[in-house]
Amino acid sequence: MAYQTLLTSLDQGIFTITINRPDKLNAINQQVMTDLNNAMDEVYNNADIKSVILTGAGPKAFVAGADISEFAGATVAEGMALAKKGQDVFFKIENSPKPVVACVNGFALGGGCELAMSCHFRIASSNAKFGQPEVNLGLIPGYGGTQRLVQLIGKGRAMELLMSASMIDAATALQYGLVNYVVAPEELIAKAISILTVVNEKAPLAVAACIMSANAVFNENVDGYSVEVAEFGKCFGTDDMKEGTTAFLEKRKANFNGK
């Protein structure tokens, strides 16, 4: 599928989505949101896609924020609708049954930081910068940033970043637990591929169950332990579980088919 603001490629089961507005530091506008939503539909529905890398074009930015020109003159109702659309798209990323890894090159600010946080985990280049500067505009994060930042780095640190609009560098993001790894810019995609190549060899339904169960930790409307029990039980009805246990007992590598 062709997208107006994204570049996509599929290689060895890894689907790479690149936000392609480098002249605007990959700022998120409504077309980017629409394209991301459609790209995630492709992720959900294409059996050839096993995992996803999400990144930004050019060396300067992952996503430097939202396109503020679209905010001018918006009413309260329009602002709420804007936030709701962004949250819905980012929920689709967060709840993807296939792993989505953010490769953060350069600036991840505002909506860009929120986008990175909606992914299952993050790898940062050494020149990455993270921040939620919305209070400088008289705003707050609207795409889930106030919630996910607290979940990922704790309330105290999140409160400071949200209220001060301060940026943190990649080393600090690693210390805070916001990212899993910091690598040289030229090694960013390769690091993600090395991790996802390993993940792609595992049982796809079990990987999806891990995502669902771990996400349940932060869902106040469900009992995460009950989700785990249900997902654990469902695994026993899969061909992959039978193959995995048989391969273990036969001391051979399992060949999973996602069924």
Protein backbone atom coordinates (compact mmCIF):
# COMPACT_ATOMS: atom_id res chain seq x y z
CA MET A 1 0.00 0.00 0.00
CA ALA A 2 1.23 3.51 -0.84
CA TYR A 3 1.16 6.21 1.83
CA GLN A 4 1.46 9.98 1.43
CA THR A 5 3.66 10.56 4.48
CA LEU A 6 5.21 7.15 5.18
CA LEU A 7 7.80 4.93 3.58
CA THR A 8 7.32 1.22 4.20
CA SER A 9 9.29 -1.92 3.45
CA LEU A 10 9.02 -5.59 4.40
CA ASP A 11 12.09 -7.78 4.75
CA GLN A 12 12.36 -11.14 6.52
CA GLY A 13 9.08 -10.54 8.33
CA ILE A 14 10.12 -7.11 9.66
CA PHE A 15 7.92 -4.26 8.44
CA THR A 16 9.70 -0.90 8.62
CA ILE A 17 7.52 2.23 8.81
CA THR A 18 9.39 5.50 8.27
CA ILE A 19 7.64 8.81 8.83
CA ASN A 20 8.80 10.76 5.80
CA ARG A 21 8.51 14.51 6.36
CA PRO A 22 12.18 15.37 7.02
CA ASP A 23 11.71 18.98 5.91
CA LYS A 24 9.20 19.33 8.78
CA LEU A 25 11.30 17.18 11.17
CA ASN A 26 8.63 14.50 10.60
CA ALA A 27 6.01 16.48 12.52
CA ILE A 28 2.71 14.65 12.91
CA ASN A 29 -0.19 16.18 11.01
CA GLN A 30 -3.59 14.66 10.31
CA GLN A 31 -2.33 12.92 7.17
CA VAL A 32 0.44 11.26 9.17
CA MET A 33 -2.16 10.07 11.69
CA THR A 34 -4.34 8.68 8.91
CA ASP A 35 -1.38 6.96 7.27
CA LEU A 36 -0.19 5.48 10.58
CA ASN A 37 -3.68 4.17 11.25
CA ASN A 38 -3.81 2.52 7.83
CA ALA A 39 -0.28 1.16 8.16
CA MET A 40 -1.21 -0.48 11.45
CA ASP A 41 -4.23 -2.04 9.77
CA GLU A 42 -1.75 -3.53 7.31
CA VAL A 43 0.33 -4.82 10.23
CA TYR A 44 -2.69 -6.47 11.82
CA ASN A 45 -3.95 -8.05 8.59
CA ASN A 46 -0.81 -9.06 6.68
CA ALA A 47 0.33 -12.51 7.81
CA ASP A 48 3.76 -11.92 6.26
CA ILE A 49 4.43 -9.16 8.81
CA LYS A 50 5.80 -10.58 12.05
CA SER A 51 7.14 -7.41 13.70
CA VAL A 52 7.53 -3.68 13.09
CA ILE A 53 10.20 -1.00 13.24
CA LEU A 54 8.88 2.57 13.49
CA THR A 55 11.31 5.41 12.77
CA GLY A 56 11.68 8.84 11.20
CA ALA A 57 13.37 9.96 8.00
CA GLY A 58 16.65 11.85 8.14
CA PRO A 59 19.26 12.24 10.88
CA LYS A 60 17.64 15.08 12.83
CA ALA A 61 14.35 13.76 14.13
CA PHE A 62 12.23 10.73 14.88
CA VAL A 63 9.24 13.05 15.20
CA ALA A 64 9.82 16.57 16.49
CA GLY A 65 6.20 17.03 17.56
CA ALA A 66 2.76 17.69 16.18
CA ASP A 67 2.15 20.11 13.33
CA ILE A 68 1.15 23.13 15.43
CA SER A 69 -0.28 24.95 12.40
CA GLU A 70 -3.24 22.57 12.59
CA PHE A 71 -3.99 23.68 16.15
CA ALA A 72 -4.55 27.35 15.36
CA GLY A 73 -8.13 28.44 15.92
CA ALA A 74 -9.36 25.03 17.06
CA THR A 75 -12.29 24.97 19.49
CA VAL A 76 -12.48 22.95 22.69
CA ALA A 77 -14.52 20.28 20.93
CA GLU A 78 -12.10 20.18 18.00
CA GLY A 79 -9.15 19.89 20.39
CA MET A 80 -10.79 16.94 22.13
CA ALA A 81 -11.51 15.27 18.78
CA LEU A 82 -7.88 15.78 17.74
CA ALA A 83 -6.65 14.12 20.94
CA LYS A 84 -9.15 11.26 20.64
CA LYS A 85 -8.04 10.45 17.08
CA GLY A 86 -4.38 10.46 18.12
CA GLN A 87 -5.06 8.27 21.15
CA ASP A 88 -7.02 5.78 19.04
CA VAL A 89 -4.13 5.42 16.56
CA PHE A 90 -1.56 5.07 19.35
CA PHE A 91 -3.74 2.49 21.13
CA LYS A 92 -3.70 0.50 17.90
CA ILE A 93 0.11 0.55 18.03
CA GLU A 94 0.25 -0.29 21.74
CA ASN A 95 -2.19 -3.19 21.38
CA SER A 96 -0.71 -4.61 18.19
CA PRO A 97 -0.37 -8.40 18.51
CA LYS A 98 2.94 -8.04 16.67
CA PRO A 99 5.89 -6.30 18.36
CA VAL A 100 6.41 -2.64 17.42
CA VAL A 101 9.81 -1.14 18.23
CA ALA A 102 10.54 2.59 18.01
CA CYS A 103 13.97 3.46 16.60
CA VAL A 104 14.41 7.01 17.87
CA ASN A 105 16.83 9.04 15.79
CA GLY A 106 17.23 12.65 16.94
CA PHE A 107 14.31 14.57 18.40
CA ALA A 108 11.29 12.77 19.88
CA LEU A 109 9.31 15.69 21.25
CA GLY A 110 5.65 16.20 22.05
CA GLY A 111 3.61 13.90 19.84
CA GLY A 112 6.84 12.24 18.77
CA CYS A 113 7.68 11.21 22.31
CA GLU A 114 4.09 10.03 22.72
CA LEU A 115 4.37 7.99 19.53
CA ALA A 116 7.60 6.37 20.71
CA MET A 117 6.01 5.54 24.07
CA SER A 118 3.07 3.82 22.39
CA CYS A 119 5.49 1.28 20.91
CA HIS A 120 6.33 -1.86 22.87
CA PHE A 121 9.86 -0.64 23.56
CA ARG A 122 12.33 1.93 22.32
CA ILE A 123 15.91 1.99 21.03
CA ALA A 124 17.59 5.40 20.88
CA SER A 125 20.47 6.75 18.87
CA SER A 126 23.10 8.54 20.93
CA ASN A 127 21.88 11.91 19.59
CA ALA A 128 18.25 11.32 20.60
CA LYS A 129 16.38 13.88 22.68
CA PHE A 130 13.06 13.27 24.44
CA GLY A 131 10.57 15.73 25.88
CA GLN A 132 6.98 16.85 26.32
CA PRO A 133 7.15 20.61 25.73
CA GLU A 134 3.40 21.18 25.38
CA VAL A 135 3.15 23.52 28.38
CA ASN A 136 5.25 26.01 26.39
CA LEU A 137 2.20 26.27 24.10
CA GLY A 138 -0.36 26.40 26.89
CA LEU A 139 -1.21 22.75 26.22
CA ILE A 140 -0.63 19.29 27.64
CA PRO A 141 0.18 16.05 25.83
CA GLY A 142 -3.01 14.75 24.22
CA TYR A 143 -2.02 11.46 22.62
CA GLY A 144 -1.56 9.52 25.85
CA GLY A 145 1.68 11.13 26.96
CA THR A 146 0.60 12.04 30.49
CA GLN A 147 -0.32 8.41 31.11
CA ARG A 148 2.48 6.49 29.39
CA LEU A 149 5.26 8.74 30.68
CA VAL A 150 4.17 8.04 34.26
CA GLN A 151 3.95 4.31 33.50
CA LEU A 152 7.42 4.20 31.99
CA ILE A 153 9.53 6.46 34.21
CA GLY A 154 7.46 6.98 37.37
CA LYS A 155 5.25 9.79 38.57
CA GLY A 156 7.89 12.10 40.04
CA ARG A 157 10.15 12.20 36.99
CA ALA A 158 7.16 12.37 34.65
CA MET A 159 5.64 15.28 36.56
CA GLU A 160 8.91 17.22 36.34
CA LEU A 161 9.25 16.68 32.58
CA LEU A 162 5.58 17.47 31.91
CA MET A 163 5.57 20.69 33.93
CA SER A 164 9.03 21.99 33.03
CA ALA A 165 9.00 21.04 29.33
CA SER A 166 12.64 20.01 29.77
CA MET A 167 14.33 17.70 27.29
CA ILE A 168 16.40 14.71 28.31
CA ASP A 169 19.20 13.13 26.30
CA ALA A 170 19.54 9.48 25.33
CA ALA A 171 21.74 8.58 28.29
CA THR A 172 19.19 10.02 30.73
CA ALA A 173 16.36 8.26 28.89
CA LEU A 174 18.23 4.99 29.35
CA GLN A 175 18.79 5.72 33.04
CA TYR A 176 15.08 6.52 33.48
CA GLY A 177 14.00 3.32 31.71
CA LEU A 178 12.38 5.18 28.83
CA VAL A 179 14.56 3.32 26.31
CA ASN A 180 16.07 -0.16 26.32
CA TYR A 181 19.30 0.65 24.48
CA VAL A 182 21.37 3.58 23.25
CA VAL A 183 23.48 2.96 20.15
CA ALA A 184 25.39 4.97 17.57
CA PRO A 185 23.06 6.47 14.93
CA GLU A 186 24.39 4.20 12.20
CA GLU A 187 23.67 1.13 14.34
CA LEU A 188 20.08 2.04 15.26
CA ILE A 189 18.11 0.00 12.73
CA ALA A 190 20.58 -2.90 12.88
CA LYS A 191 20.06 -3.16 16.64
CA ALA A 192 16.30 -3.36 16.22
CA ILE A 193 16.63 -5.95 13.46
CA SER A 194 18.91 -8.10 15.63
CA ILE A 195 16.32 -8.14 18.42
CA LEU A 196 13.30 -8.67 16.18
CA THR A 197 15.03 -11.45 14.25
CA VAL A 198 15.17 -13.37 17.53
CA VAL A 199 11.57 -12.49 18.45
CA ASN A 200 10.32 -13.50 15.00
CA GLU A 201 11.55 -17.04 15.62
CA LYS A 202 9.25 -17.44 18.62
CA ALA A 203 5.64 -18.61 18.62
CA PRO A 204 3.59 -15.69 17.19
CA LEU A 205 0.48 -16.40 19.27
CA ALA A 206 2.56 -16.61 22.44
CA VAL A 207 4.27 -13.30 21.59
CA ALA A 208 0.84 -11.71 21.07
CA ALA A 209 -0.30 -13.13 24.41
CA CYS A 210 2.75 -11.64 26.13
CA ILE A 211 1.84 -8.22 24.71
CA MET A 212 -1.80 -8.50 25.78
CA SER A 213 -0.95 -9.71 29.27
CA ALA A 214 1.75 -7.10 29.90
CA ASN A 215 -0.51 -4.29 28.66
CA ALA A 216 -3.18 -5.45 31.12
CA VAL A 217 -0.95 -4.24 33.99
CA PHE A 218 -1.98 -0.68 33.15
CA ASN A 219 -5.65 -1.31 32.37
CA GLU A 220 -7.70 -0.52 35.46
CA ASN A 221 -10.77 -2.15 33.93
CA VAL A 222 -9.30 -5.66 33.82
CA ASP A 223 -7.52 -8.02 36.20
CA GLY A 224 -4.13 -8.63 34.62
CA TYR A 225 -3.70 -11.92 36.44
CA SER A 226 -6.99 -13.16 34.99
CA VAL A 227 -5.84 -12.10 31.53
CA GLU A 228 -2.64 -14.08 32.08
CA VAL A 229 -4.58 -17.17 33.16
CA ALA A 230 -6.81 -16.94 30.08
CA GLU A 231 -3.94 -16.36 27.65
CA PHE A 232 -1.86 -19.13 29.25
CA GLY A 233 -4.79 -21.51 28.84
CA LYS A 234 -5.39 -20.50 25.22
CA CYS A 235 -1.79 -21.39 24.40
CA PHE A 236 -2.57 -25.02 25.23
CA GLY A 237 -5.01 -25.09 22.33
CA THR A 238 -2.44 -24.02 19.75
CA ASP A 239 -0.35 -26.04 17.34
CA ASP A 240 2.60 -23.87 18.34
CA MET A 241 2.44 -25.03 21.96
CA LYS A 242 2.38 -28.66 20.83
CA GLU A 243 5.31 -28.01 18.48
CA GLY A 244 7.27 -26.07 21.10
CA THR A 245 6.96 -28.69 23.81
CA THR A 246 7.63 -31.54 21.38
CA ALA A 247 10.71 -29.79 20.01
CA PHE A 248 11.99 -29.21 23.54
CA LEU A 249 11.58 -32.85 24.47
CA GLU A 250 13.17 -33.96 21.19
CA LYS A 251 16.02 -31.47 21.69
CA ARG A 252 15.49 -29.73 18.36
CA LYS A 253 14.60 -26.22 17.22
CA ALA A 254 10.87 -25.55 17.09
CA ASN A 255 9.21 -24.63 13.81
CA PHE A 256 6.26 -22.40 14.69
CA ASN A 257 3.45 -21.63 12.23
CA GLY A 258 1.32 -19.20 14.24
CA LYS A 259 -1.60 -21.59 14.62
